[in-house]
PDB file of N, CA and C in Angstrom:
ATOM      1  N   MET A   1       7.083 -11.825  23.883  1.00  0.00           N
ATOM      2  CA  MET A   1       6.212 -11.711  22.724  1.00  0.00           C
ATOM      3  C   MET A   1       7.037 -12.076  21.487  1.00  0.00           C
ATOM      4  N   SER A   2       6.438 -12.840  20.608  1.00  0.00           N
ATOM      5  CA  SER A   2       7.135 -13.248  19.387  1.00  0.00           C
ATOM      6  C   SER A   2       7.340 -12.045  18.463  1.00  0.00           C
ATOM      7  N   PRO A   3       8.359 -12.110  17.617  1.00  0.00           N
ATOM      8  CA  PRO A   3       8.560 -11.021  16.653  1.00  0.00           C
ATOM      9  C   PRO A   3       7.342 -10.823  15.745  1.00  0.00           C
ATOM     10  N   GLU A   4       6.669 -11.920  15.405  1.00  0.00           N
ATOM     11  CA  GLU A   4       5.487 -11.820  14.539  1.00  0.00           C
ATOM     12  C   GLU A   4       4.359 -11.062  15.233  1.00  0.00           C
ATOM     13  N   LEU A   5       4.123 -11.403  16.503  1.00  0.00           N
ATOM     14  CA  LEU A   5       3.056 -10.727  17.246  1.00  0.00           C
ATOM     15  C   LEU A   5       3.415  -9.260  17.482  1.00  0.00           C
ATOM     16  N   ARG A   6       4.672  -8.999  17.745  1.00  0.00           N
ATOM     17  CA  ARG A   6       5.116  -7.608  17.919  1.00  0.00           C
ATOM     18  C   ARG A   6       4.850  -6.811  16.641  1.00  0.00           C
ATOM     19  N   ALA A   7       5.206  -7.390  15.492  1.00  0.00           N
ATOM     20  CA  ALA A   7       4.980  -6.709  14.208  1.00  0.00           C
ATOM     21  C   ALA A   7       3.494  -6.467  13.976  1.00  0.00           C
ATOM     22  N   LEU A   8       2.667  -7.457  14.289  1.00  0.00           N
ATOM     23  CA  LEU A   8       1.218  -7.280  14.134  1.00  0.00           C
ATOM     24  C   LEU A   8       0.706  -6.165  15.039  1.00  0.00           C
ATOM     25  N   SER A   9       1.224  -6.113  16.267  1.00  0.00           N
ATOM     26  CA  SER A   9       0.742  -5.093  17.209  1.00  0.00           C
ATOM     27  C   SER A   9       1.137  -3.688  16.770  1.00  0.00           C
ATOM     28  N   GLU A  10       2.206  -3.583  15.978  1.00  0.00           N
ATOM     29  CA  GLU A  10       2.690  -2.269  15.538  1.00  0.00           C
ATOM     30  C   GLU A  10       2.130  -1.826  14.193  1.00  0.00           C
ATOM     31  N   GLN A  11       1.336  -2.670  13.539  1.00  0.00           N
ATOM     32  CA  GLN A  11       0.904  -2.358  12.173  1.00  0.00           C
ATOM     33  C   GLN A  11      -0.033  -1.159  12.075  1.00  0.00           C
ATOM     34  N   HIS A  12      -0.653  -0.767  13.183  1.00  0.00           N
ATOM     35  CA  HIS A  12      -1.586   0.367  13.143  1.00  0.00           C
ATOM     36  C   HIS A  12      -1.064   1.573  13.927  1.00  0.00           C
ATOM     37  N   LEU A  13       0.251   1.651  14.092  1.00  0.00           N
ATOM     38  CA  LEU A  13       0.865   2.820  14.727  1.00  0.00           C
ATOM     39  C   LEU A  13       1.128   3.851  13.637  1.00  0.00           C
ATOM     40  N   THR A  14       0.505   5.012  13.757  1.00  0.00           N
ATOM     41  CA  THR A  14       0.544   6.005  12.680  1.00  0.00           C
ATOM     42  C   THR A  14       1.558   7.122  12.896  1.00  0.00           C
ATOM     43  N   GLY A  15       2.048   7.286  14.123  1.00  0.00           N
ATOM     44  CA  GLY A  15       2.943   8.404  14.403  1.00  0.00           C
ATOM     45  C   GLY A  15       2.231   9.745  14.443  1.00  0.00           C
ATOM     46  N   SER A  16       0.914   9.720  14.586  1.00  0.00           N
ATOM     47  CA  SER A  16       0.097  10.939  14.545  1.00  0.00           C
ATOM     48  C   SER A  16       0.138  11.751  15.837  1.00  0.00           C
ATOM     49  N   GLY A  17       0.612  11.139  16.925  1.00  0.00           N
ATOM     50  CA  GLY A  17       0.564  11.810  18.221  1.00  0.00           C
ATOM     51  C   GLY A  17      -0.714  11.527  18.982  1.00  0.00           C
ATOM     52  N   GLU A  18      -1.556  10.673  18.418  1.00  0.00           N
ATOM     53  CA  GLU A  18      -2.819  10.308  19.065  1.00  0.00           C
ATOM     54  C   GLU A  18      -3.012   8.802  18.963  1.00  0.00           C
ATOM     55  N   THR A  19      -3.449   8.201  20.060  1.00  0.00           N
ATOM     56  CA  THR A  19      -3.813   6.789  20.091  1.00  0.00           C
ATOM     57  C   THR A  19      -5.245   6.702  20.589  1.00  0.00           C
ATOM     58  N   VAL A  20      -6.056   5.876  19.933  1.00  0.00           N
ATOM     59  CA  VAL A  20      -7.452   5.693  20.326  1.00  0.00           C
ATOM     60  C   VAL A  20      -7.612   4.338  21.007  1.00  0.00           C
ATOM     61  N   ILE A  21      -8.320   4.332  22.138  1.00  0.00           N
ATOM     62  CA  ILE A  21      -8.695   3.106  22.832  1.00  0.00           C
ATOM     63  C   ILE A  21     -10.206   3.122  23.020  1.00  0.00           C
ATOM     64  N   GLY A  22     -10.764   1.981  23.366  1.00  0.00           N
ATOM     65  CA  GLY A  22     -12.192   1.911  23.622  1.00  0.00           C
ATOM     66  C   GLY A  22     -12.730   0.543  23.294  1.00  0.00           C
ATOM     67  N   PRO A  23     -14.020   0.368  23.456  1.00  0.00           N
ATOM     68  CA  PRO A  23     -14.619  -0.937  23.194  1.00  0.00           C
ATOM     69  C   PRO A  23     -14.665  -1.270  21.702  1.00  0.00           C
ATOM     70  N   PHE A  24     -14.523  -2.563  21.417  1.00  0.00           N
ATOM     71  CA  PHE A  24     -14.652  -3.034  20.038  1.00  0.00           C
ATOM     72  C   PHE A  24     -16.107  -2.947  19.592  1.00  0.00           C
ATOM     73  N   ARG A  25     -17.010  -3.326  20.502  1.00  0.00           N
ATOM     74  CA  ARG A  25     -18.454  -3.221  20.252  1.00  0.00           C
ATOM     75  C   ARG A  25     -19.074  -2.424  21.405  1.00  0.00           C
ATOM     76  N   PRO A  26     -19.207  -1.119  21.240  1.00  0.00           N
ATOM     77  CA  PRO A  26     -19.762  -0.303  22.329  1.00  0.00           C
ATOM     78  C   PRO A  26     -21.185  -0.724  22.697  1.00  0.00           C
ATOM     79  N   ASP A  27     -21.464  -0.752  23.998  1.00  0.00           N
ATOM     80  CA  ASP A  27     -22.830  -1.014  24.461  1.00  0.00           C
ATOM     81  C   ASP A  27     -23.762   0.025  23.858  1.00  0.00           C
ATOM     82  N   GLY A  28     -24.860  -0.419  23.307  1.00  0.00           N
ATOM     83  CA  GLY A  28     -25.822   0.497  22.713  1.00  0.00           C
ATOM     84  C   GLY A  28     -25.494   0.886  21.288  1.00  0.00           C
ATOM     85  N   GLY A  29     -24.433   0.295  20.728  1.00  0.00           N
ATOM     86  CA  GLY A  29     -24.070   0.594  19.342  1.00  0.00           C
ATOM     87  C   GLY A  29     -23.071   1.723  19.252  1.00  0.00           C
ATOM     88  N   GLY A  30     -22.805   2.127  18.049  1.00  0.00           N
ATOM     89  CA  GLY A  30     -21.817   3.177  17.818  1.00  0.00           C
ATOM     90  C   GLY A  30     -20.569   2.612  17.182  1.00  0.00           C
ATOM     91  N   LEU A  31     -19.627   3.495  16.918  1.00  0.00           N
ATOM     92  CA  LEU A  31     -18.396   3.114  16.243  1.00  0.00           C
ATOM     93  C   LEU A  31     -17.442   2.385  17.187  1.00  0.00           C
ATOM     94  N   SER A  32     -16.724   1.412  16.656  1.00  0.00           N
ATOM     95  CA  SER A  32     -15.670   0.759  17.428  1.00  0.00           C
ATOM     96  C   SER A  32     -14.481   1.707  17.544  1.00  0.00           C
ATOM     97  N   TYR A  33     -13.599   1.409  18.469  1.00  0.00           N
ATOM     98  CA  TYR A  33     -12.395   2.242  18.616  1.00  0.00           C
ATOM     99  C   TYR A  33     -11.576   2.231  17.332  1.00  0.00           C
ATOM    100  N   ILE A  34     -11.615   1.137  16.583  1.00  0.00           N
ATOM    101  CA  ILE A  34     -10.870   1.044  15.322  1.00  0.00           C
ATOM    102  C   ILE A  34     -11.436   2.029  14.304  1.00  0.00           C
ATOM    103  N   GLN A  35     -12.754   2.088  14.203  1.00  0.00           N
ATOM    104  CA  GLN A  35     -13.384   3.025  13.265  1.00  0.00           C
ATOM    105  C   GLN A  35     -13.074   4.471  13.646  1.00  0.00           C
ATOM    106  N   VAL A  36     -13.125   4.778  14.933  1.00  0.00           N
ATOM    107  CA  VAL A  36     -12.814   6.137  15.393  1.00  0.00           C
ATOM    108  C   VAL A  36     -11.360   6.470  15.065  1.00  0.00           C
ATOM    109  N   ALA A  37     -10.452   5.544  15.335  1.00  0.00           N
ATOM    110  CA  ALA A  37      -9.033   5.776  15.040  1.00  0.00           C
ATOM    111  C   ALA A  37      -8.811   5.989  13.549  1.00  0.00           C
ATOM    112  N   ASP A  38      -9.443   5.158  12.723  1.00  0.00           N
ATOM    113  CA  ASP A  38      -9.300   5.311  11.269  1.00  0.00           C
ATOM    114  C   ASP A  38      -9.775   6.685  10.813  1.00  0.00           C
ATOM    115  N   GLU A  39     -10.910   7.139  11.346  1.00  0.00           N
ATOM    116  CA  GLU A  39     -11.446   8.452  10.975  1.00  0.00           C
ATOM    117  C   GLU A  39     -10.487   9.581  11.356  1.00  0.00           C
ATOM    118  N   ARG A  40      -9.742   9.388  12.452  1.00  0.00           N
ATOM    119  CA  ARG A  40      -8.869  10.440  12.976  1.00  0.00           C
ATOM    120  C   ARG A  40      -7.423  10.297  12.512  1.00  0.00           C
ATOM    121  N   GLY A  41      -7.108   9.193  11.840  1.00  0.00           N
ATOM    122  CA  GLY A  41      -5.724   8.943  11.442  1.00  0.00           C
ATOM    123  C   GLY A  41      -4.836   8.608  12.629  1.00  0.00           C
ATOM    124  N   ALA A  42      -5.445   8.097  13.691  1.00  0.00           N
ATOM    125  CA  ALA A  42      -4.740   7.831  14.941  1.00  0.00           C
ATOM    126  C   ALA A  42      -4.259   6.382  15.016  1.00  0.00           C
ATOM    127  N   SER A  43      -3.351   6.139  15.934  1.00  0.00           N
ATOM    128  CA  SER A  43      -2.863   4.789  16.208  1.00  0.00           C
ATOM    129  C   SER A  43      -3.903   4.014  17.006  1.00  0.00           C
ATOM    130  N   TYR A  44      -3.841   2.679  16.905  1.00  0.00           N
ATOM    131  CA  TYR A  44      -4.715   1.817  17.688  1.00  0.00           C
ATOM    132  C   TYR A  44      -4.157   0.407  17.717  1.00  0.00           C
ATOM    133  N   PHE A  45      -4.683  -0.407  18.624  1.00  0.00           N
ATOM    134  CA  PHE A  45      -4.267  -1.794  18.783  1.00  0.00           C
ATOM    135  C   PHE A  45      -5.241  -2.706  18.052  1.00  0.00           C
ATOM    136  N   ASP A  46      -4.709  -3.540  17.173  1.00  0.00           N
ATOM    137  CA  ASP A  46      -5.507  -4.586  16.523  1.00  0.00           C
ATOM    138  C   ASP A  46      -4.545  -5.589  15.906  1.00  0.00           C
ATOM    139  N   ILE A  47      -4.606  -6.830  16.371  1.00  0.00           N
ATOM    140  CA  ILE A  47      -3.752  -7.872  15.804  1.00  0.00           C
ATOM    141  C   ILE A  47      -4.536  -8.807  14.892  1.00  0.00           C
ATOM    142  N   GLY A  48      -5.739  -8.388  14.527  1.00  0.00           N
ATOM    143  CA  GLY A  48      -6.532  -9.147  13.569  1.00  0.00           C
ATOM    144  C   GLY A  48      -6.853 -10.555  14.049  1.00  0.00           C
ATOM    145  N   ASP A  49      -6.826 -11.497  13.121  1.00  0.00           N
ATOM    146  CA  ASP A  49      -7.180 -12.882  13.436  1.00  0.00           C
ATOM    147  C   ASP A  49      -6.198 -13.546  14.386  1.00  0.00           C
ATOM    148  N   ALA A  50      -5.007 -12.984  14.535  1.00  0.00           N
ATOM    149  CA  ALA A  50      -4.033 -13.540  15.484  1.00  0.00           C
ATOM    150  C   ALA A  50      -4.576 -13.488  16.912  1.00  0.00           C
ATOM    151  N   TRP A  51      -5.538 -12.600  17.165  1.00  0.00           N
ATOM    152  CA  TRP A  51      -6.173 -12.505  18.485  1.00  0.00           C
ATOM    153  C   TRP A  51      -6.732 -13.859  18.895  1.00  0.00           C
ATOM    154  N   ASN A  52      -7.378 -14.556  17.953  1.00  0.00           N
ATOM    155  CA  ASN A  52      -8.018 -15.837  18.263  1.00  0.00           C
ATOM    156  C   ASN A  52      -7.006 -16.921  18.607  1.00  0.00           C
ATOM    157  N   ALA A  53      -5.820 -16.875  18.009  1.00  0.00           N
ATOM    158  CA  ALA A  53      -4.793 -17.887  18.249  1.00  0.00           C
ATOM    159  C   ALA A  53      -3.899 -17.547  19.440  1.00  0.00           C
ATOM    160  N   ALA A  54      -3.880 -16.297  19.841  1.00  0.00           N
ATOM    161  CA  ALA A  54      -2.991 -15.861  20.925  1.00  0.00           C
ATOM    162  C   ALA A  54      -3.531 -16.291  22.284  1.00  0.00           C
ATOM    163  N   THR A  55      -2.616 -16.537  23.203  1.00  0.00           N
ATOM    164  CA  THR A  55      -3.007 -16.824  24.582  1.00  0.00           C
ATOM    165  C   THR A  55      -3.390 -15.509  25.260  1.00  0.00           C
ATOM    166  N   PRO A  56      -4.109 -15.569  26.375  1.00  0.00           N
ATOM    167  CA  PRO A  56      -4.418 -14.331  27.095  1.00  0.00           C
ATOM    168  C   PRO A  56      -3.160 -13.528  27.454  1.00  0.00           C
ATOM    169  N   THR A  57      -2.084 -14.207  27.808  1.00  0.00           N
ATOM    170  CA  THR A  57      -0.832 -13.519  28.134  1.00  0.00           C
ATOM    171  C   THR A  57      -0.262 -12.817  26.909  1.00  0.00           C
ATOM    172  N   GLU A  58      -0.306 -13.479  25.753  1.00  0.00           N
ATOM    173  CA  GLU A  58       0.189 -12.869  24.515  1.00  0.00           C
ATOM    174  C   GLU A  58      -0.660 -11.668  24.116  1.00  0.00           C
ATOM    175  N   ARG A  59      -1.974 -11.786  24.279  1.00  0.00           N
ATOM    176  CA  ARG A  59      -2.870 -10.666  23.958  1.00  0.00           C
ATOM    177  C   ARG A  59      -2.533  -9.452  24.811  1.00  0.00           C
ATOM    178  N   LEU A  60      -2.369  -9.699  26.110  1.00  0.00           N
ATOM    179  CA  LEU A  60      -2.057  -8.614  27.035  1.00  0.00           C
ATOM    180  C   LEU A  60      -0.710  -7.978  26.698  1.00  0.00           C
ATOM    181  N   ALA A  61       0.282  -8.804  26.393  1.00  0.00           N
ATOM    182  CA  ALA A  61       1.615  -8.280  26.060  1.00  0.00           C
ATOM    183  C   ALA A  61       1.563  -7.416  24.808  1.00  0.00           C
ATOM    184  N   ALA A  62       0.832  -7.855  23.796  1.00  0.00           N
ATOM    185  CA  ALA A  62       0.732  -7.093  22.547  1.00  0.00           C
ATOM    186  C   ALA A  62       0.002  -5.772  22.779  1.00  0.00           C
ATOM    187  N   ASN A  63      -1.081  -5.826  23.540  1.00  0.00           N
ATOM    188  CA  ASN A  63      -1.836  -4.616  23.847  1.00  0.00           C
ATOM    189  C   ASN A  63      -0.993  -3.651  24.672  1.00  0.00           C
ATOM    190  N   GLN A  64      -0.308  -4.173  25.674  1.00  0.00           N
ATOM    191  CA  GLN A  64       0.530  -3.323  26.523  1.00  0.00           C
ATOM    192  C   GLN A  64       1.659  -2.702  25.710  1.00  0.00           C
ATOM    193  N   HIS A  65       2.185  -3.433  24.734  1.00  0.00           N
ATOM    194  CA  HIS A  65       3.253  -2.890  23.892  1.00  0.00           C
ATOM    195  C   HIS A  65       2.775  -1.626  23.168  1.00  0.00           C
ATOM    196  N   VAL A  66       1.566  -1.668  22.629  1.00  0.00           N
ATOM    197  CA  VAL A  66       1.033  -0.491  21.932  1.00  0.00           C
ATOM    198  C   VAL A  66       0.864   0.667  22.918  1.00  0.00           C
ATOM    199  N   LEU A  67       0.378   0.383  24.116  1.00  0.00           N
ATOM    200  CA  LEU A  67       0.263   1.439  25.130  1.00  0.00           C
ATOM    201  C   LEU A  67       1.640   1.986  25.504  1.00  0.00           C
ATOM    202  N   ASP A  68       2.627   1.099  25.620  1.00  0.00           N
ATOM    203  CA  ASP A  68       3.983   1.551  25.947  1.00  0.00           C
ATOM    204  C   ASP A  68       4.544   2.467  24.859  1.00  0.00           C
ATOM    205  N   VAL A  69       4.250   2.152  23.602  1.00  0.00           N
ATOM    206  CA  VAL A  69       4.687   3.017  22.498  1.00  0.00           C
ATOM    207  C   VAL A  69       3.998   4.378  22.607  1.00  0.00           C
ATOM    208  N   ALA A  70       2.692   4.368  22.882  1.00  0.00           N
ATOM    209  CA  ALA A  70       1.952   5.630  23.035  1.00  0.00           C
ATOM    210  C   ALA A  70       2.535   6.463  24.176  1.00  0.00           C
ATOM    211  N   ILE A  71       2.846   5.805  25.293  1.00  0.00           N
ATOM    212  CA  ILE A  71       3.419   6.498  26.448  1.00  0.00           C
ATOM    213  C   ILE A  71       4.791   7.066  26.094  1.00  0.00           C
ATOM    214  N   ALA A  72       5.626   6.265  25.459  1.00  0.00           N
ATOM    215  CA  ALA A  72       6.974   6.713  25.082  1.00  0.00           C
ATOM    216  C   ALA A  72       6.918   7.897  24.120  1.00  0.00           C
ATOM    217  N   ASN A  73       5.913   7.901  23.240  1.00  0.00           N
ATOM    218  CA  ASN A  73       5.748   8.990  22.271  1.00  0.00           C
ATOM    219  C   ASN A  73       4.991  10.180  22.847  1.00  0.00           C
ATOM    220  N   ARG A  74       4.507  10.035  24.087  1.00  0.00           N
ATOM    221  CA  ARG A  74       3.702  11.068  24.744  1.00  0.00           C
ATOM    222  C   ARG A  74       2.453  11.417  23.930  1.00  0.00           C
ATOM    223  N   ASP A  75       1.862  10.378  23.342  1.00  0.00           N
ATOM    224  CA  ASP A  75       0.624  10.560  22.583  1.00  0.00           C
ATOM    225  C   ASP A  75      -0.499  11.041  23.487  1.00  0.00           C
ATOM    226  N   THR A  76      -1.398  11.821  22.924  1.00  0.00           N
ATOM    227  CA  THR A  76      -2.701  12.049  23.531  1.00  0.00           C
ATOM    228  C   THR A  76      -3.491  10.768  23.309  1.00  0.00           C
ATOM    229  N   VAL A  77      -4.198  10.307  24.328  1.00  0.00           N
ATOM    230  CA  VAL A  77      -4.999   9.091  24.195  1.00  0.00           C
ATOM    231  C   VAL A  77      -6.462   9.488  24.221  1.00  0.00           C
ATOM    232  N   THR A  78      -7.167   9.084  23.164  1.00  0.00           N
ATOM    233  CA  THR A  78      -8.576   9.415  22.998  1.00  0.00           C
ATOM    234  C   THR A  78      -9.419   8.174  23.232  1.00  0.00           C
ATOM    235  N   LEU A  79     -10.435   8.324  24.044  1.00  0.00           N
ATOM    236  CA  LEU A  79     -11.397   7.258  24.291  1.00  0.00           C
ATOM    237  C   LEU A  79     -12.502   7.372  23.249  1.00  0.00           C
ATOM    238  N   SER A  80     -12.864   6.254  22.630  1.00  0.00           N
ATOM    239  CA  SER A  80     -13.820   6.280  21.519  1.00  0.00           C
ATOM    240  C   SER A  80     -15.266   6.468  21.962  1.00  0.00           C
ATOM    241  N   VAL A  81     -15.527   6.335  23.238  1.00  0.00           N
ATOM    242  CA  VAL A  81     -16.863   6.542  23.809  1.00  0.00           C
ATOM    243  C   VAL A  81     -16.702   7.384  25.072  1.00  0.00           C
ATOM    244  N   PRO A  82     -17.774   7.998  25.561  1.00  0.00           N
ATOM    245  CA  PRO A  82     -17.661   8.747  26.817  1.00  0.00           C
ATOM    246  C   PRO A  82     -17.209   7.842  27.971  1.00  0.00           C
ATOM    247  N   PHE A  83     -16.437   8.408  28.878  1.00  0.00           N
ATOM    248  CA  PHE A  83     -15.865   7.664  29.997  1.00  0.00           C
ATOM    249  C   PHE A  83     -16.921   6.916  30.803  1.00  0.00           C
ATOM    250  N   ASN A  84     -18.102   7.502  30.956  1.00  0.00           N
ATOM    251  CA  ASN A  84     -19.136   6.851  31.775  1.00  0.00           C
ATOM    252  C   ASN A  84     -19.676   5.567  31.148  1.00  0.00           C
ATOM    253  N   MET A  85     -19.303   5.286  29.904  1.00  0.00           N
ATOM    254  CA  MET A  85     -19.725   4.043  29.251  1.00  0.00           C
ATOM    255  C   MET A  85     -18.741   2.893  29.499  1.00  0.00           C
ATOM    256  N   ILE A  86     -17.629   3.164  30.168  1.00  0.00           N
ATOM    257  CA  ILE A  86     -16.604   2.147  30.387  1.00  0.00           C
ATOM    258  C   ILE A  86     -16.850   1.438  31.717  1.00  0.00           C
ATOM    259  N   LYS A  87     -17.051   0.141  31.645  1.00  0.00           N
ATOM    260  CA  LYS A  87     -17.251  -0.665  32.850  1.00  0.00           C
ATOM    261  C   LYS A  87     -15.888  -1.019  33.446  1.00  0.00           C
ATOM    262  N   PRO A  88     -15.798  -1.074  34.786  1.00  0.00           N
ATOM    263  CA  PRO A  88     -14.506  -1.284  35.450  1.00  0.00           C
ATOM    264  C   PRO A  88     -13.799  -2.594  35.099  1.00  0.00           C
ATOM    265  N   ASP A  89     -14.543  -3.616  34.708  1.00  0.00           N
ATOM    266  CA  ASP A  89     -13.944  -4.935  34.472  1.00  0.00           C
ATOM    267  C   ASP A  89     -13.645  -5.206  32.996  1.00  0.00           C
ATOM    268  N   THR A  90     -13.420  -4.157  32.213  1.00  0.00           N
ATOM    269  CA  THR A  90     -13.187  -4.318  30.779  1.00  0.00           C
ATOM    270  C   THR A  90     -11.722  -4.059  30.418  1.00  0.00           C
ATOM    271  N   PHE A  91     -11.338  -4.503  29.208  1.00  0.00           N
ATOM    272  CA  PHE A  91     -10.000  -4.210  28.692  1.00  0.00           C
ATOM    273  C   PHE A  91      -9.757  -2.703  28.671  1.00  0.00           C
ATOM    274  N   THR A  92     -10.765  -1.945  28.241  1.00  0.00           N
ATOM    275  CA  THR A  92     -10.589  -0.494  28.143  1.00  0.00           C
ATOM    276  C   THR A  92     -10.315   0.123  29.509  1.00  0.00           C
ATOM    277  N   ALA A  93     -11.037  -0.311  30.529  1.00  0.00           N
ATOM    278  CA  ALA A  93     -10.787   0.204  31.880  1.00  0.00           C
ATOM    279  C   ALA A  93      -9.373  -0.142  32.334  1.00  0.00           C
ATOM    280  N   ALA A  94      -8.920  -1.341  32.009  1.00  0.00           N
ATOM    281  CA  ALA A  94      -7.551  -1.740  32.360  1.00  0.00           C
ATOM    282  C   ALA A  94      -6.530  -0.879  31.620  1.00  0.00           C
ATOM    283  N   GLU A  95      -6.811  -0.551  30.369  1.00  0.00           N
ATOM    284  CA  GLU A  95      -5.916   0.323  29.603  1.00  0.00           C
ATOM    285  C   GLU A  95      -5.825   1.702  30.255  1.00  0.00           C
ATOM    286  N   ILE A  96      -6.961   2.237  30.674  1.00  0.00           N
ATOM    287  CA  ILE A  96      -6.979   3.552  31.329  1.00  0.00           C
ATOM    288  C   ILE A  96      -6.173   3.503  32.627  1.00  0.00           C
ATOM    289  N   ARG A  97      -6.374   2.457  33.419  1.00  0.00           N
ATOM    290  CA  ARG A  97      -5.609   2.326  34.669  1.00  0.00           C
ATOM    291  C   ARG A  97      -4.104   2.268  34.371  1.00  0.00           C
ATOM    292  N   TYR A  98      -3.727   1.532  33.336  1.00  0.00           N
ATOM    293  CA  TYR A  98      -2.314   1.414  32.952  1.00  0.00           C
ATOM    294  C   TYR A  98      -1.749   2.785  32.576  1.00  0.00           C
ATOM    295  N   LEU A  99      -2.495   3.524  31.771  1.00  0.00           N
ATOM    296  CA  LEU A  99      -2.046   4.864  31.378  1.00  0.00           C
ATOM    297  C   LEU A  99      -1.876   5.761  32.602  1.00  0.00           C
ATOM    298  N   GLU A 100      -2.840   5.714  33.505  1.00  0.00           N
ATOM    299  CA  GLU A 100      -2.776   6.562  34.699  1.00  0.00           C
ATOM    300  C   GLU A 100      -1.612   6.164  35.605  1.00  0.00           C
ATOM    301  N   LEU A 101      -1.308   4.881  35.674  1.00  0.00           N
ATOM    302  CA  LEU A 101      -0.145   4.427  36.440  1.00  0.00           C
ATOM    303  C   LEU A 101       1.162   4.940  35.835  1.00  0.00           C
ATOM    304  N   HIS A 102       1.102   5.290  34.556  1.00  0.00           N
ATOM    305  CA  HIS A 102       2.279   5.796  33.855  1.00  0.00           C
ATOM    306  C   HIS A 102       2.212   7.314  33.632  1.00  0.00           C
ATOM    307  N   GLY A 103       1.468   8.001  34.515  1.00  0.00           N
ATOM    308  CA  GLY A 103       1.500   9.456  34.536  1.00  0.00           C
ATOM    309  C   GLY A 103       0.466  10.171  33.689  1.00  0.00           C
ATOM    310  N   TYR A 104      -0.413   9.439  33.039  1.00  0.00           N
ATOM    311  CA  TYR A 104      -1.446  10.103  32.242  1.00  0.00           C
ATOM    312  C   TYR A 104      -2.560  10.586  33.151  1.00  0.00           C
ATOM    313  N   ARG A 105      -3.198  11.670  32.727  1.00  0.00           N
ATOM    314  CA  ARG A 105      -4.337  12.185  33.489  1.00  0.00           C
ATOM    315  C   ARG A 105      -5.466  12.539  32.533  1.00  0.00           C
ATOM    316  N   GLN A 106      -6.659  12.396  33.038  1.00  0.00           N
ATOM    317  CA  GLN A 106      -7.862  12.673  32.256  1.00  0.00           C
ATOM    318  C   GLN A 106      -8.113  14.170  32.247  1.00  0.00           C
ATOM    319  N   ILE A 107      -8.313  14.749  31.034  1.00  0.00           N
ATOM    320  CA  ILE A 107      -8.604  16.186  30.946  1.00  0.00           C
ATOM    321  C   ILE A 107      -9.985  16.461  30.364  1.00  0.00           C
ATOM    322  N   SER A 108     -10.647  15.421  29.861  1.00  0.00           N
ATOM    323  CA  SER A 108     -12.028  15.567  29.390  1.00  0.00           C
ATOM    324  C   SER A 108     -12.674  14.192  29.440  1.00  0.00           C
ATOM    325  N   ASP A 109     -13.906  14.123  29.009  1.00  0.00           N
ATOM    326  CA  ASP A 109     -14.655  12.873  29.037  1.00  0.00           C
ATOM    327  C   ASP A 109     -14.029  11.796  28.158  1.00  0.00           C
ATOM    328  N   THR A 110     -13.195  12.209  27.208  1.00  0.00           N
ATOM    329  CA  THR A 110     -12.628  11.239  26.268  1.00  0.00           C
ATOM    330  C   THR A 110     -11.128  11.414  26.033  1.00  0.00           C
ATOM    331  N   THR A 111     -10.446  12.203  26.854  1.00  0.00           N
ATOM    332  CA  THR A 111      -9.043  12.511  26.559  1.00  0.00           C
ATOM    333  C   THR A 111      -8.141  12.349  27.780  1.00  0.00           C
ATOM    334  N   TRP A 112      -7.012  11.651  27.564  1.00  0.00           N
ATOM    335  CA  TRP A 112      -5.954  11.501  28.555  1.00  0.00           C
ATOM    336  C   TRP A 112      -4.669  12.032  27.947  1.00  0.00           C
ATOM    337  N   VAL A 113      -3.891  12.733  28.756  1.00  0.00           N
ATOM    338  CA  VAL A 113      -2.624  13.301  28.291  1.00  0.00           C
ATOM    339  C   VAL A 113      -1.527  12.971  29.299  1.00  0.00           C
ATOM    340  N   PRO A 114      -0.271  13.010  28.831  1.00  0.00           N
ATOM    341  CA  PRO A 114       0.838  12.804  29.765  1.00  0.00           C
ATOM    342  C   PRO A 114       0.877  13.928  30.797  1.00  0.00           C
ATOM    343  N   ALA A 115       1.431  13.628  31.947  1.00  0.00           N
ATOM    344  CA  ALA A 115       1.583  14.644  32.996  1.00  0.00           C
ATOM    345  C   ALA A 115       2.278  15.871  32.430  1.00  0.00           C
ATOM    346  N   GLY A 116       1.784  17.039  32.821  1.00  0.00           N
ATOM    347  CA  GLY A 116       2.390  18.291  32.390  1.00  0.00           C
ATOM    348  C   GLY A 116       1.869  18.822  31.070  1.00  0.00           C
ATOM    349  N   GLU A 117       0.911  18.132  30.462  1.00  0.00           N
ATOM    350  CA  GLU A 117       0.361  18.601  29.182  1.00  0.00           C
ATOM    351  C   GLU A 117      -1.149  18.773  29.285  1.00  0.00           C
ATOM    352  N   GLY A 118      -1.684  19.615  28.416  1.00  0.00           N
ATOM    353  CA  GLY A 118      -3.133  19.788  28.290  1.00  0.00           C
ATOM    354  C   GLY A 118      -3.763  20.493  29.467  1.00  0.00           C
ATOM    355  N   GLY A 119      -5.090  20.764  29.285  1.00  0.00           N
ATOM    356  CA  GLY A 119      -5.994  21.354  30.245  1.00  0.00           C
ATOM    357  C   GLY A 119      -5.396  21.928  31.437  1.00  0.00           C
TER     358      GLY A 119
END
């Protein structure tokens, strides 16, 4: 990942202990994950217009970097919509699988925590 893309991926890391993931445009309407994160003061992934210029590999690397930071910080991860609204073939579902592969577990309809914490 280029230094520029890395910097863009880190621009919305707040150090709050919470990272929000979810759909950009939820089915049926509602707030995007960015709006939910802003309301909560939480970290989130958004590289802005660079998304359009980035390759799929670059997009994935930038997104994974933000998840890796959340994992390293042992952030609570909040889903911006109820879990049952997440389709298996979406970016959000892939993010959840990645978190779970790295020891996170679901403790509510919208919350994942590192192993040994919560519920």
